[in-house]
PDB file of N, CA and C in Angstrom:
ATOM      1  N   UNK A   1      -9.978  11.839 -11.718  1.00  0.00           N
ATOM      2  CA  UNK A   1     -10.873  13.777 -11.604  1.00  0.00           C
ATOM      3  C   UNK A   1     -11.413  13.694 -10.615  1.00  0.00           C
ATOM      4  N   UNK A   2     -11.246  13.501  -9.535  1.00  0.00           N
ATOM      5  CA  UNK A   2     -11.936  13.879  -7.987  1.00  0.00           C
ATOM      6  C   UNK A   2     -11.015  15.522  -8.011  1.00  0.00           C
ATOM      7  N   UNK A   3      -9.578  15.629  -8.018  1.00  0.00           N
ATOM      8  CA  UNK A   3      -9.327  17.000  -7.969  1.00  0.00           C
ATOM      9  C   UNK A   3      -9.605  17.366  -8.894  1.00  0.00           C
ATOM     10  N   UNK A   4      -9.590  16.881 -10.211  1.00  0.00           N
ATOM     11  CA  UNK A   4     -10.084  18.464 -10.911  1.00  0.00           C
ATOM     12  C   UNK A   4     -10.718  18.487 -10.736  1.00  0.00           C
ATOM     13  N   UNK A   5     -11.838  18.107 -10.415  1.00  0.00           N
ATOM     14  CA  UNK A   5     -13.052  18.528  -9.894  1.00  0.00           C
ATOM     15  C   UNK A   5     -13.878  19.530  -9.364  1.00  0.00           C
ATOM     16  N   UNK A   6     -12.395  19.497  -7.907  1.00  0.00           N
ATOM     17  CA  UNK A   6     -12.430  20.331  -6.932  1.00  0.00           C
ATOM     18  C   UNK A   6     -12.116  21.746  -7.379  1.00  0.00           C
ATOM     19  N   UNK A   7     -11.571  21.740  -8.618  1.00  0.00           N
ATOM     20  CA  UNK A   7     -10.459  22.642  -9.079  1.00  0.00           C
ATOM     21  C   UNK A   7      -9.038  22.307  -8.939  1.00  0.00           C
ATOM     22  N   UNK A   8      -8.307  21.175  -8.558  1.00  0.00           N
ATOM     23  CA  UNK A   8      -6.643  21.150  -8.415  1.00  0.00           C
ATOM     24  C   UNK A   8      -6.236  21.196 -10.218  1.00  0.00           C
ATOM     25  N   UNK A   9      -4.833  21.513  -9.763  1.00  0.00           N
ATOM     26  CA  UNK A   9      -4.976  21.265 -11.370  1.00  0.00           C
ATOM     27  C   UNK A   9      -3.740  20.307 -10.948  1.00  0.00           C
ATOM     28  N   UNK A  10      -3.911  19.481 -12.421  1.00  0.00           N
ATOM     29  CA  UNK A  10      -3.507  17.746 -12.085  1.00  0.00           C
ATOM     30  C   UNK A  10      -2.205  17.593 -13.129  1.00  0.00           C
ATOM     31  N   UNK A  11      -1.419  16.525 -13.083  1.00  0.00           N
ATOM     32  CA  UNK A  11      -0.360  16.773 -13.790  1.00  0.00           C
ATOM     33  C   UNK A  11      -0.199  14.719 -14.284  1.00  0.00           C
ATOM     34  N   UNK A  12      -0.190  14.104 -14.814  1.00  0.00           N
ATOM     35  CA  UNK A  12      -0.421  12.718 -14.870  1.00  0.00           C
ATOM     36  C   UNK A  12       0.741  12.639 -16.184  1.00  0.00           C
ATOM     37  N   UNK A  13       0.779  11.335 -15.621  1.00  0.00           N
ATOM     38  CA  UNK A  13       2.401  10.700 -16.236  1.00  0.00           C
ATOM     39  C   UNK A  13       1.801   9.604 -16.707  1.00  0.00           C
ATOM     40  N   UNK A  14       2.346   8.541 -17.671  1.00  0.00           N
ATOM     41  CA  UNK A  14       2.259   7.410 -18.865  1.00  0.00           C
ATOM     42  C   UNK A  14       3.007   7.344 -19.683  1.00  0.00           C
ATOM     43  N   UNK A  15       3.371   5.531 -19.765  1.00  0.00           N
ATOM     44  CA  UNK A  15       3.620   5.503 -21.085  1.00  0.00           C
ATOM     45  C   UNK A  15       3.183   5.919 -22.517  1.00  0.00           C
ATOM     46  N   UNK A  16       2.121   5.945 -22.637  1.00  0.00           N
ATOM     47  CA  UNK A  16       1.978   5.222 -23.591  1.00  0.00           C
ATOM     48  C   UNK A  16       0.774   6.797 -23.873  1.00  0.00           C
ATOM     49  N   UNK A  17       1.018   7.718 -24.691  1.00  0.00           N
ATOM     50  CA  UNK A  17       0.556   8.833 -25.429  1.00  0.00           C
ATOM     51  C   UNK A  17      -0.922   8.831 -25.926  1.00  0.00           C
ATOM     52  N   UNK A  18      -1.701   8.049 -26.036  1.00  0.00           N
ATOM     53  CA  UNK A  18      -3.146   7.800 -26.004  1.00  0.00           C
ATOM     54  C   UNK A  18      -3.472   7.896 -25.008  1.00  0.00           C
ATOM     55  N   UNK A  19      -2.854   7.213 -24.357  1.00  0.00           N
ATOM     56  CA  UNK A  19      -3.724   7.536 -22.506  1.00  0.00           C
ATOM     57  C   UNK A  19      -4.234   8.478 -21.981  1.00  0.00           C
ATOM     58  N   UNK A  20      -2.710   9.243 -21.814  1.00  0.00           N
ATOM     59  CA  UNK A  20      -2.944  10.239 -21.418  1.00  0.00           C
ATOM     60  C   UNK A  20      -3.338  11.050 -22.482  1.00  0.00           C
ATOM     61  N   UNK A  21      -3.459  11.419 -23.266  1.00  0.00           N
ATOM     62  CA  UNK A  21      -4.493  11.477 -24.360  1.00  0.00           C
ATOM     63  C   UNK A  21      -6.366  11.707 -23.801  1.00  0.00           C
ATOM     64  N   UNK A  22      -6.350  10.708 -23.915  1.00  0.00           N
ATOM     65  CA  UNK A  22      -7.848   9.928 -23.949  1.00  0.00           C
ATOM     66  C   UNK A  22      -7.683  11.022 -21.572  1.00  0.00           C
ATOM     67  N   UNK A  23      -7.550  10.726 -21.023  1.00  0.00           N
ATOM     68  CA  UNK A  23      -7.463  10.585 -19.756  1.00  0.00           C
ATOM     69  C   UNK A  23      -7.390  12.817 -19.848  1.00  0.00           C
ATOM     70  N   UNK A  24      -6.552  13.635 -20.505  1.00  0.00           N
ATOM     71  CA  UNK A  24      -7.157  14.959 -20.648  1.00  0.00           C
ATOM     72  C   UNK A  24      -7.900  15.319 -21.440  1.00  0.00           C
ATOM     73  N   UNK A  25      -7.997  14.457 -21.629  1.00  0.00           N
ATOM     74  CA  UNK A  25     -10.117  14.855 -22.408  1.00  0.00           C
ATOM     75  C   UNK A  25     -10.450  14.567 -21.412  1.00  0.00           C
ATOM     76  N   UNK A  26     -10.649  14.050 -20.487  1.00  0.00           N
ATOM     77  CA  UNK A  26     -11.676  13.586 -19.481  1.00  0.00           C
ATOM     78  C   UNK A  26     -11.447  14.937 -18.506  1.00  0.00           C
ATOM     79  N   UNK A  27     -10.060  15.234 -18.010  1.00  0.00           N
ATOM     80  CA  UNK A  27      -9.934  15.592 -17.091  1.00  0.00           C
ATOM     81  C   UNK A  27     -10.134  17.253 -17.621  1.00  0.00           C
ATOM     82  N   UNK A  28     -10.619  17.617 -18.318  1.00  0.00           N
ATOM     83  CA  UNK A  28     -10.572  19.411 -19.333  1.00  0.00           C
ATOM     84  C   UNK A  28     -12.088  19.679 -19.061  1.00  0.00           C
ATOM     85  N   UNK A  29     -12.879  18.725 -19.084  1.00  0.00           N
ATOM     86  CA  UNK A  29     -13.987  18.651 -18.875  1.00  0.00           C
ATOM     87  C   UNK A  29     -14.436  19.656 -16.853  1.00  0.00           C
ATOM     88  N   UNK A  30     -13.364  19.190 -16.351  1.00  0.00           N
ATOM     89  CA  UNK A  30     -13.361  19.714 -14.947  1.00  0.00           C
ATOM     90  C   UNK A  30     -13.452  20.666 -14.778  1.00  0.00           C
ATOM     91  N   UNK A  31     -13.155  20.951 -13.482  1.00  0.00           N
ATOM     92  CA  UNK A  31     -12.559  22.857 -13.027  1.00  0.00           C
ATOM     93  C   UNK A  31     -11.331  23.053 -12.923  1.00  0.00           C
ATOM     94  N   UNK A  32     -10.716  22.185 -12.977  1.00  0.00           N
ATOM     95  CA  UNK A  32      -8.766  22.340 -12.700  1.00  0.00           C
ATOM     96  C   UNK A  32      -8.357  22.463 -14.149  1.00  0.00           C
ATOM     97  N   UNK A  33      -6.837  22.682 -14.082  1.00  0.00           N
ATOM     98  CA  UNK A  33      -6.242  22.581 -14.654  1.00  0.00           C
ATOM     99  C   UNK A  33      -5.122  21.159 -15.166  1.00  0.00           C
ATOM    100  N   UNK A  34      -5.279  20.964 -16.505  1.00  0.00           N
ATOM    101  CA  UNK A  34      -4.228  19.434 -16.595  1.00  0.00           C
ATOM    102  C   UNK A  34      -3.086  19.437 -17.353  1.00  0.00           C
ATOM    103  N   UNK A  35      -1.947  18.685 -17.476  1.00  0.00           N
ATOM    104  CA  UNK A  35      -1.005  18.546 -17.776  1.00  0.00           C
ATOM    105  C   UNK A  35      -0.220  17.134 -17.923  1.00  0.00           C
ATOM    106  N   UNK A  36       0.185  16.315 -18.880  1.00  0.00           N
ATOM    107  CA  UNK A  36      -0.115  15.173 -19.395  1.00  0.00           C
ATOM    108  C   UNK A  36       1.604  15.494 -19.996  1.00  0.00           C
ATOM    109  N   UNK A  37       2.830  14.530 -19.048  1.00  0.00           N
ATOM    110  CA  UNK A  37       4.349  14.311 -19.312  1.00  0.00           C
ATOM    111  C   UNK A  37       4.215  12.936 -19.772  1.00  0.00           C
ATOM    112  N   UNK A  38       4.340  12.355 -21.002  1.00  0.00           N
ATOM    113  CA  UNK A  38       4.826  10.963 -21.361  1.00  0.00           C
ATOM    114  C   UNK A  38       5.685  10.627 -21.010  1.00  0.00           C
ATOM    115  N   UNK A  39       6.346   9.304 -20.402  1.00  0.00           N
ATOM    116  CA  UNK A  39       7.279   8.385 -20.250  1.00  0.00           C
ATOM    117  C   UNK A  39       6.980   7.916 -19.088  1.00  0.00           C
ATOM    118  N   UNK A  40       7.872   7.449 -19.086  1.00  0.00           N
ATOM    119  CA  UNK A  40       7.822   6.098 -17.953  1.00  0.00           C
ATOM    120  C   UNK A  40       8.838   5.895 -16.429  1.00  0.00           C
ATOM    121  N   UNK A  41       8.472   5.671 -15.338  1.00  0.00           N
ATOM    122  CA  UNK A  41       8.861   6.085 -13.998  1.00  0.00           C
ATOM    123  C   UNK A  41       9.989   5.154 -13.586  1.00  0.00           C
ATOM    124  N   UNK A  42      10.056   4.385 -15.003  1.00  0.00           N
ATOM    125  CA  UNK A  42      11.516   3.529 -14.848  1.00  0.00           C
ATOM    126  C   UNK A  42      12.907   4.265 -15.695  1.00  0.00           C
ATOM    127  N   UNK A  43      12.045   5.694 -15.951  1.00  0.00           N
ATOM    128  CA  UNK A  43      13.702   6.802 -16.367  1.00  0.00           C
ATOM    129  C   UNK A  43      13.362   7.839 -16.046  1.00  0.00           C
ATOM    130  N   UNK A  44      14.770   7.991 -14.512  1.00  0.00           N
ATOM    131  CA  UNK A  44      15.121   8.864 -14.281  1.00  0.00           C
ATOM    132  C   UNK A  44      15.127  10.335 -14.455  1.00  0.00           C
ATOM    133  N   UNK A  45      15.340  10.478 -15.803  1.00  0.00           N
ATOM    134  CA  UNK A  45      15.448  11.824 -16.489  1.00  0.00           C
ATOM    135  C   UNK A  45      14.266  11.757 -16.812  1.00  0.00           C
ATOM    136  N   UNK A  46      12.867  11.358 -17.171  1.00  0.00           N
ATOM    137  CA  UNK A  46      11.574  11.785 -17.192  1.00  0.00           C
ATOM    138  C   UNK A  46      11.058  12.014 -15.949  1.00  0.00           C
ATOM    139  N   UNK A  47      11.606  11.161 -14.563  1.00  0.00           N
ATOM    140  CA  UNK A  47      11.229  11.618 -13.284  1.00  0.00           C
ATOM    141  C   UNK A  47      11.254  13.080 -13.073  1.00  0.00           C
ATOM    142  N   UNK A  48      12.584  13.198 -12.629  1.00  0.00           N
ATOM    143  CA  UNK A  48      12.964  15.066 -12.914  1.00  0.00           C
ATOM    144  C   UNK A  48      12.327  15.798 -13.988  1.00  0.00           C
ATOM    145  N   UNK A  49      11.275  15.275 -15.926  1.00  0.00           N
ATOM    146  CA  UNK A  49      11.680  16.176 -16.512  1.00  0.00           C
ATOM    147  C   UNK A  49       9.911  17.212 -15.507  1.00  0.00           C
ATOM    148  N   UNK A  50       9.127  15.862 -14.873  1.00  0.00           N
ATOM    149  CA  UNK A  50       8.233  15.412 -14.485  1.00  0.00           C
ATOM    150  C   UNK A  50       7.719  16.654 -13.563  1.00  0.00           C
ATOM    151  N   UNK A  51       8.757  16.675 -12.415  1.00  0.00           N
ATOM    152  CA  UNK A  51       8.601  17.479 -11.371  1.00  0.00           C
ATOM    153  C   UNK A  51       9.269  18.444 -11.843  1.00  0.00           C
ATOM    154  N   UNK A  52      10.127  19.042 -12.607  1.00  0.00           N
ATOM    155  CA  UNK A  52      10.146  20.243 -13.257  1.00  0.00           C
ATOM    156  C   UNK A  52       8.971  21.049 -13.786  1.00  0.00           C
ATOM    157  N   UNK A  53       7.959  20.066 -14.842  1.00  0.00           N
ATOM    158  CA  UNK A  53       7.257  20.955 -15.848  1.00  0.00           C
ATOM    159  C   UNK A  53       6.325  21.179 -14.516  1.00  0.00           C
ATOM    160  N   UNK A  54       6.036  19.838 -13.673  1.00  0.00           N
ATOM    161  CA  UNK A  54       4.612  21.065 -13.088  1.00  0.00           C
ATOM    162  C   UNK A  54       5.124  21.983 -11.612  1.00  0.00           C
ATOM    163  N   UNK A  55       6.765  22.634 -11.879  1.00  0.00           N
ATOM    164  CA  UNK A  55       6.611  23.247 -10.684  1.00  0.00           C
ATOM    165  C   UNK A  55       7.141  24.703 -11.859  1.00  0.00           C
ATOM    166  N   UNK A  56       7.385  24.401 -12.441  1.00  0.00           N
ATOM    167  CA  UNK A  56       7.480  25.330 -13.726  1.00  0.00           C
ATOM    168  C   UNK A  56       5.543  25.793 -13.692  1.00  0.00           C
ATOM    169  N   UNK A  57       4.836  24.699 -13.933  1.00  0.00           N
ATOM    170  CA  UNK A  57       3.121  25.132 -14.592  1.00  0.00           C
ATOM    171  C   UNK A  57       2.469  25.257 -13.553  1.00  0.00           C
ATOM    172  N   UNK A  58       2.800  24.854 -12.347  1.00  0.00           N
ATOM    173  CA  UNK A  58       1.377  25.527 -11.279  1.00  0.00           C
ATOM    174  C   UNK A  58       2.425  26.148 -10.215  1.00  0.00           C
ATOM    175  N   UNK A  59       3.769  26.352 -10.201  1.00  0.00           N
ATOM    176  CA  UNK A  59       4.195  26.357  -9.055  1.00  0.00           C
ATOM    177  C   UNK A  59       4.774  25.762  -7.786  1.00  0.00           C
ATOM    178  N   UNK A  60       3.475  24.569  -7.786  1.00  0.00           N
ATOM    179  CA  UNK A  60       3.943  24.293  -6.272  1.00  0.00           C
ATOM    180  C   UNK A  60       3.696  22.261  -6.759  1.00  0.00           C
ATOM    181  N   UNK A  61       3.966  21.579  -5.936  1.00  0.00           N
ATOM    182  CA  UNK A  61       3.403  19.432  -5.523  1.00  0.00           C
ATOM    183  C   UNK A  61       2.819  20.335  -4.569  1.00  0.00           C
ATOM    184  N   UNK A  62       1.494  19.957  -4.309  1.00  0.00           N
ATOM    185  CA  UNK A  62       0.840  19.424  -3.069  1.00  0.00           C
ATOM    186  C   UNK A  62       0.649  18.053  -2.679  1.00  0.00           C
ATOM    187  N   UNK A  63       0.146  17.534  -3.954  1.00  0.00           N
ATOM    188  CA  UNK A  63       0.342  15.309  -3.711  1.00  0.00           C
ATOM    189  C   UNK A  63       0.670  15.129  -4.705  1.00  0.00           C
ATOM    190  N   UNK A  64       1.223  13.992  -4.366  1.00  0.00           N
ATOM    191  CA  UNK A  64       1.316  13.431  -5.280  1.00  0.00           C
ATOM    192  C   UNK A  64       1.074  11.978  -4.911  1.00  0.00           C
ATOM    193  N   UNK A  65       0.171  11.491  -5.716  1.00  0.00           N
ATOM    194  CA  UNK A  65      -0.007  10.125  -5.713  1.00  0.00           C
ATOM    195  C   UNK A  65       0.364   9.057  -7.033  1.00  0.00           C
ATOM    196  N   UNK A  66       1.146   8.374  -6.459  1.00  0.00           N
ATOM    197  CA  UNK A  66       2.019   7.200  -7.234  1.00  0.00           C
ATOM    198  C   UNK A  66       1.191   6.321  -6.885  1.00  0.00           C
ATOM    199  N   UNK A  67       1.227   5.867  -8.765  1.00  0.00           N
ATOM    200  CA  UNK A  67      -0.520   4.681  -8.922  1.00  0.00           C
ATOM    201  C   UNK A  67       0.108   4.051 -10.580  1.00  0.00           C
ATOM    202  N   UNK A  68       1.735   3.907 -10.828  1.00  0.00           N
ATOM    203  CA  UNK A  68       1.957   3.183 -11.284  1.00  0.00           C
ATOM    204  C   UNK A  68       2.513   1.849 -11.500  1.00  0.00           C
ATOM    205  N   UNK A  69       1.677   0.833 -12.004  1.00  0.00           N
ATOM    206  CA  UNK A  69       2.262  -0.717 -11.602  1.00  0.00           C
ATOM    207  C   UNK A  69       2.168  -1.228 -12.611  1.00  0.00           C
ATOM    208  N   UNK A  70       2.446  -2.262 -12.813  1.00  0.00           N
ATOM    209  CA  UNK A  70       2.524  -3.805 -13.929  1.00  0.00           C
ATOM    210  C   UNK A  70       1.622  -4.883 -12.888  1.00  0.00           C
ATOM    211  N   UNK A  71       0.429  -5.302 -13.150  1.00  0.00           N
ATOM    212  CA  UNK A  71      -0.395  -6.364 -12.675  1.00  0.00           C
ATOM    213  C   UNK A  71      -0.548  -7.535 -12.771  1.00  0.00           C
ATOM    214  N   UNK A  72      -0.271  -7.349 -13.884  1.00  0.00           N
ATOM    215  CA  UNK A  72      -0.723  -8.849 -15.205  1.00  0.00           C
ATOM    216  C   UNK A  72       0.372  -8.744 -16.078  1.00  0.00           C
ATOM    217  N   UNK A  73       1.641  -9.686 -15.867  1.00  0.00           N
ATOM    218  CA  UNK A  73       2.838  -9.166 -16.227  1.00  0.00           C
ATOM    219  C   UNK A  73       3.125 -10.750 -17.066  1.00  0.00           C
ATOM    220  N   UNK A  74       1.306 -11.603 -17.787  1.00  0.00           N
ATOM    221  CA  UNK A  74       1.184 -12.502 -18.402  1.00  0.00           C
ATOM    222  C   UNK A  74       1.810 -13.737 -18.081  1.00  0.00           C
ATOM    223  N   UNK A  75       2.657 -14.197 -16.848  1.00  0.00           N
ATOM    224  CA  UNK A  75       3.346 -15.254 -17.037  1.00  0.00           C
ATOM    225  C   UNK A  75       2.790 -15.338 -15.128  1.00  0.00           C
ATOM    226  N   UNK A  76       2.565 -17.169 -14.941  1.00  0.00           N
ATOM    227  CA  UNK A  76       2.485 -17.232 -13.827  1.00  0.00           C
ATOM    228  C   UNK A  76       4.155 -17.186 -12.404  1.00  0.00           C
ATOM    229  N   UNK A  77       3.934 -16.858 -11.216  1.00  0.00           N
ATOM    230  CA  UNK A  77       5.125 -16.713 -10.468  1.00  0.00           C
ATOM    231  C   UNK A  77       6.302 -17.292 -11.176  1.00  0.00           C
ATOM    232  N   UNK A  78       5.814 -19.133 -11.160  1.00  0.00           N
ATOM    233  CA  UNK A  78       7.228 -19.961 -10.716  1.00  0.00           C
ATOM    234  C   UNK A  78       8.029 -19.986 -12.520  1.00  0.00           C
ATOM    235  N   UNK A  79       6.842 -19.385 -13.605  1.00  0.00           N
ATOM    236  CA  UNK A  79       7.276 -19.378 -14.544  1.00  0.00           C
ATOM    237  C   UNK A  79       8.548 -18.111 -14.966  1.00  0.00           C
ATOM    238  N   UNK A  80       7.743 -17.167 -14.405  1.00  0.00           N
ATOM    239  CA  UNK A  80       8.371 -15.404 -14.590  1.00  0.00           C
ATOM    240  C   UNK A  80      10.037 -15.910 -14.290  1.00  0.00           C
ATOM    241  N   UNK A  81      10.549 -15.458 -15.368  1.00  0.00           N
ATOM    242  CA  UNK A  81      12.580 -14.925 -15.533  1.00  0.00           C
ATOM    243  C   UNK A  81      12.731 -13.594 -14.852  1.00  0.00           C
ATOM    244  N   UNK A  82      14.543 -13.806 -14.236  1.00  0.00           N
ATOM    245  CA  UNK A  82      14.382 -12.392 -13.788  1.00  0.00           C
ATOM    246  C   UNK A  82      14.231 -11.406 -14.493  1.00  0.00           C
ATOM    247  N   UNK A  83      14.187 -11.513 -15.517  1.00  0.00           N
ATOM    248  CA  UNK A  83      14.368 -10.454 -16.321  1.00  0.00           C
ATOM    249  C   UNK A  83      12.956  -9.170 -16.476  1.00  0.00           C
ATOM    250  N   UNK A  84      11.861 -10.435 -16.664  1.00  0.00           N
ATOM    251  CA  UNK A  84      10.263  -9.702 -16.291  1.00  0.00           C
ATOM    252  C   UNK A  84      10.364  -9.371 -14.808  1.00  0.00           C
ATOM    253  N   UNK A  85      10.569 -10.117 -13.961  1.00  0.00           N
ATOM    254  CA  UNK A  85      10.054 -10.063 -12.096  1.00  0.00           C
ATOM    255  C   UNK A  85      10.999  -8.588 -12.354  1.00  0.00           C
ATOM    256  N   UNK A  86      12.179  -7.605 -12.510  1.00  0.00           N
ATOM    257  CA  UNK A  86      12.897  -6.656 -12.819  1.00  0.00           C
ATOM    258  C   UNK A  86      12.395  -6.271 -13.188  1.00  0.00           C
ATOM    259  N   UNK A  87      11.789  -6.368 -14.179  1.00  0.00           N
ATOM    260  CA  UNK A  87      10.843  -4.962 -14.570  1.00  0.00           C
ATOM    261  C   UNK A  87       9.775  -4.356 -14.321  1.00  0.00           C
ATOM    262  N   UNK A  88       9.189  -5.539 -13.435  1.00  0.00           N
ATOM    263  CA  UNK A  88       7.922  -5.794 -12.923  1.00  0.00           C
ATOM    264  C   UNK A  88       7.821  -4.497 -11.416  1.00  0.00           C
ATOM    265  N   UNK A  89       9.295  -5.075 -10.968  1.00  0.00           N
ATOM    266  CA  UNK A  89      10.111  -4.197  -8.806  1.00  0.00           C
ATOM    267  C   UNK A  89      10.238  -2.621 -10.024  1.00  0.00           C
ATOM    268  N   UNK A  90      10.969  -2.667 -11.315  1.00  0.00           N
ATOM    269  CA  UNK A  90      11.354  -1.377 -11.616  1.00  0.00           C
ATOM    270  C   UNK A  90      10.100  -0.434 -11.407  1.00  0.00           C
ATOM    271  N   UNK A  91       9.222  -0.937 -11.991  1.00  0.00           N
ATOM    272  CA  UNK A  91       8.117  -0.289 -12.058  1.00  0.00           C
ATOM    273  C   UNK A  91       7.369   0.205 -10.696  1.00  0.00           C
ATOM    274  N   UNK A  92       6.865  -1.440 -10.508  1.00  0.00           N
ATOM    275  CA  UNK A  92       5.961  -1.335  -8.657  1.00  0.00           C
ATOM    276  C   UNK A  92       6.594  -0.574  -7.855  1.00  0.00           C
ATOM    277  N   UNK A  93       7.723  -1.265  -7.051  1.00  0.00           N
ATOM    278  CA  UNK A  93       8.292  -0.603  -6.632  1.00  0.00           C
ATOM    279  C   UNK A  93       9.748   0.744  -6.267  1.00  0.00           C
ATOM    280  N   UNK A  94      10.257   0.476  -7.779  1.00  0.00           N
ATOM    281  CA  UNK A  94      11.603   1.370  -7.899  1.00  0.00           C
ATOM    282  C   UNK A  94      10.704   2.331  -7.925  1.00  0.00           C
ATOM    283  N   UNK A  95       9.914   2.944  -8.880  1.00  0.00           N
ATOM    284  CA  UNK A  95       9.200   3.871  -9.483  1.00  0.00           C
ATOM    285  C   UNK A  95       8.831   4.540  -8.347  1.00  0.00           C
ATOM    286  N   UNK A  96       7.791   4.196  -7.459  1.00  0.00           N
ATOM    287  CA  UNK A  96       7.270   4.767  -6.310  1.00  0.00           C
ATOM    288  C   UNK A  96       8.797   5.775  -5.971  1.00  0.00           C
ATOM    289  N   UNK A  97       9.561   4.858  -5.281  1.00  0.00           N
ATOM    290  CA  UNK A  97      11.127   5.585  -4.684  1.00  0.00           C
ATOM    291  C   UNK A  97      11.113   6.515  -5.657  1.00  0.00           C
ATOM    292  N   UNK A  98      11.550   6.293  -6.742  1.00  0.00           N
ATOM    293  CA  UNK A  98      11.522   7.269  -7.674  1.00  0.00           C
ATOM    294  C   UNK A  98      11.491   8.734  -7.605  1.00  0.00           C
ATOM    295  N   UNK A  99       9.951   8.767  -7.361  1.00  0.00           N
ATOM    296  CA  UNK A  99       9.124   9.406  -8.064  1.00  0.00           C
ATOM    297  C   UNK A  99       9.266  10.311  -6.592  1.00  0.00           C
ATOM    298  N   UNK A 100       8.895   9.899  -5.365  1.00  0.00           N
ATOM    299  CA  UNK A 100       8.245  10.074  -3.720  1.00  0.00           C
ATOM    300  C   UNK A 100       9.858  10.991  -3.824  1.00  0.00           C
ATOM    301  N   UNK A 101      11.541  10.607  -4.531  1.00  0.00           N
ATOM    302  CA  UNK A 101      12.530  10.680  -4.029  1.00  0.00           C
ATOM    303  C   UNK A 101      12.621  12.181  -4.569  1.00  0.00           C
ATOM    304  N   UNK A 102      12.023  12.288  -6.135  1.00  0.00           N
ATOM    305  CA  UNK A 102      12.109  13.387  -6.627  1.00  0.00           C
ATOM    306  C   UNK A 102      11.421  14.590  -5.969  1.00  0.00           C
ATOM    307  N   UNK A 103       9.782  14.409  -5.792  1.00  0.00           N
ATOM    308  CA  UNK A 103       8.915  15.464  -4.874  1.00  0.00           C
ATOM    309  C   UNK A 103       9.300  15.843  -3.950  1.00  0.00           C
ATOM    310  N   UNK A 104       9.578  14.872  -2.765  1.00  0.00           N
ATOM    311  CA  UNK A 104       9.948  15.545  -0.912  1.00  0.00           C
ATOM    312  C   UNK A 104      10.605  16.996  -0.936  1.00  0.00           C
ATOM    313  N   UNK A 105      11.291  17.182  -1.531  1.00  0.00           N
ATOM    314  CA  UNK A 105      12.733  17.987  -1.495  1.00  0.00           C
ATOM    315  C   UNK A 105      11.325  19.426  -2.320  1.00  0.00           C
ATOM    316  N   UNK A 106      10.484  19.137  -3.061  1.00  0.00           N
ATOM    317  CA  UNK A 106       9.970  20.750  -3.572  1.00  0.00           C
ATOM    318  C   UNK A 106       8.646  20.667  -2.479  1.00  0.00           C
ATOM    319  N   UNK A 107       8.369  19.126  -1.224  1.00  0.00           N
ATOM    320  CA  UNK A 107       7.505  19.366  -1.078  1.00  0.00           C
ATOM    321  C   UNK A 107       7.876  20.140   0.901  1.00  0.00           C
ATOM    322  N   UNK A 108       9.889  20.038   1.341  1.00  0.00           N
ATOM    323  CA  UNK A 108       9.733  20.194   2.324  1.00  0.00           C
ATOM    324  C   UNK A 108       9.986  21.528   1.931  1.00  0.00           C
ATOM    325  N   UNK A 109      10.393  22.229   0.904  1.00  0.00           N
ATOM    326  CA  UNK A 109      10.642  23.716   0.249  1.00  0.00           C
ATOM    327  C   UNK A 109       9.305  24.460   0.793  1.00  0.00           C
ATOM    328  N   UNK A 110       7.790  23.932  -0.009  1.00  0.00           N
ATOM    329  CA  UNK A 110       7.118  24.246   0.514  1.00  0.00           C
ATOM    330  C   UNK A 110       6.422  24.844   2.201  1.00  0.00           C
ATOM    331  N   UNK A 111       7.359  23.072   3.231  1.00  0.00           N
ATOM    332  CA  UNK A 111       6.427  23.133   4.189  1.00  0.00           C
ATOM    333  C   UNK A 111       5.782  22.109   4.256  1.00  0.00           C
ATOM    334  N   UNK A 112       4.916  21.935   3.374  1.00  0.00           N
ATOM    335  CA  UNK A 112       3.725  20.649   3.411  1.00  0.00           C
ATOM    336  C   UNK A 112       3.479  20.014   1.388  1.00  0.00           C
ATOM    337  N   UNK A 113       2.818  18.956   2.279  1.00  0.00           N
ATOM    338  CA  UNK A 113       2.787  17.759   1.097  1.00  0.00           C
ATOM    339  C   UNK A 113       2.171  17.013   1.345  1.00  0.00           C
ATOM    340  N   UNK A 114       1.607  16.588  -0.107  1.00  0.00           N
ATOM    341  CA  UNK A 114       1.176  14.964   0.743  1.00  0.00           C
ATOM    342  C   UNK A 114       1.489  13.628  -0.145  1.00  0.00           C
ATOM    343  N   UNK A 115       1.965  12.309   0.205  1.00  0.00           N
ATOM    344  CA  UNK A 115       1.928  11.118  -1.080  1.00  0.00           C
ATOM    345  C   UNK A 115       1.558   9.656  -0.388  1.00  0.00           C
ATOM    346  N   UNK A 116       0.098   9.668  -1.583  1.00  0.00           N
ATOM    347  CA  UNK A 116      -0.500   8.883  -1.925  1.00  0.00           C
ATOM    348  C   UNK A 116      -0.451   7.702  -2.753  1.00  0.00           C
ATOM    349  N   UNK A 117       0.724   6.480  -2.240  1.00  0.00           N
ATOM    350  CA  UNK A 117       0.599   5.059  -2.819  1.00  0.00           C
ATOM    351  C   UNK A 117      -0.294   4.293  -2.824  1.00  0.00           C
ATOM    352  N   UNK A 118      -0.354   4.171  -3.888  1.00  0.00           N
ATOM    353  CA  UNK A 118      -1.704   2.719  -4.412  1.00  0.00           C
ATOM    354  C   UNK A 118      -0.747   1.581  -5.362  1.00  0.00           C
ATOM    355  N   UNK A 119      -1.056   0.336  -4.535  1.00  0.00           N
ATOM    356  CA  UNK A 119      -0.083  -0.549  -4.811  1.00  0.00           C
ATOM    357  C   UNK A 119      -0.981  -1.704  -5.636  1.00  0.00           C
ATOM    358  N   UNK A 120      -0.034  -2.261  -6.549  1.00  0.00           N
ATOM    359  CA  UNK A 120      -1.072  -3.234  -7.116  1.00  0.00           C
ATOM    360  C   UNK A 120      -0.863  -5.146  -6.742  1.00  0.00           C
ATOM    361  N   UNK A 121      -1.559  -6.030  -6.621  1.00  0.00           N
ATOM    362  CA  UNK A 121      -1.170  -6.965  -6.121  1.00  0.00           C
ATOM    363  C   UNK A 121       0.222  -7.454  -6.006  1.00  0.00           C
ATOM    364  N   UNK A 122       0.760  -7.824  -7.477  1.00  0.00           N
ATOM    365  CA  UNK A 122       1.998  -7.716  -7.733  1.00  0.00           C
ATOM    366  C   UNK A 122       3.178  -7.253  -7.247  1.00  0.00           C
ATOM    367  N   UNK A 123       3.447  -6.450  -6.135  1.00  0.00           N
ATOM    368  CA  UNK A 123       3.876  -5.501  -5.782  1.00  0.00           C
ATOM    369  C   UNK A 123       4.223  -6.317  -4.693  1.00  0.00           C
TER     370      UNK A 123
END
């Protein structure tokens, strides 16, 4: 919200369209432009779509905020099976890697950019 309040163009992505719609409605009340792209950071095609749509819409990417994370996966650590743990790692760790890897070439092309990683206790 702060970025939009300052006039920045903001791209949001997430798995649930209803949540994206809610966030877009809030951000549209600010000074910036907003683009929502539904999907998951576990999907490489989605990650590439986010980058492409961002550059197509706004011409550049100045800041990446990696904030995807699965914190409460419904089980205590000693009860967690490998499949659940793999899902947590795929979202919380590999998703950050995928987004960063996809966006860094654009930032290098621009000659600048900033990346902020926000982690959950499950990471």
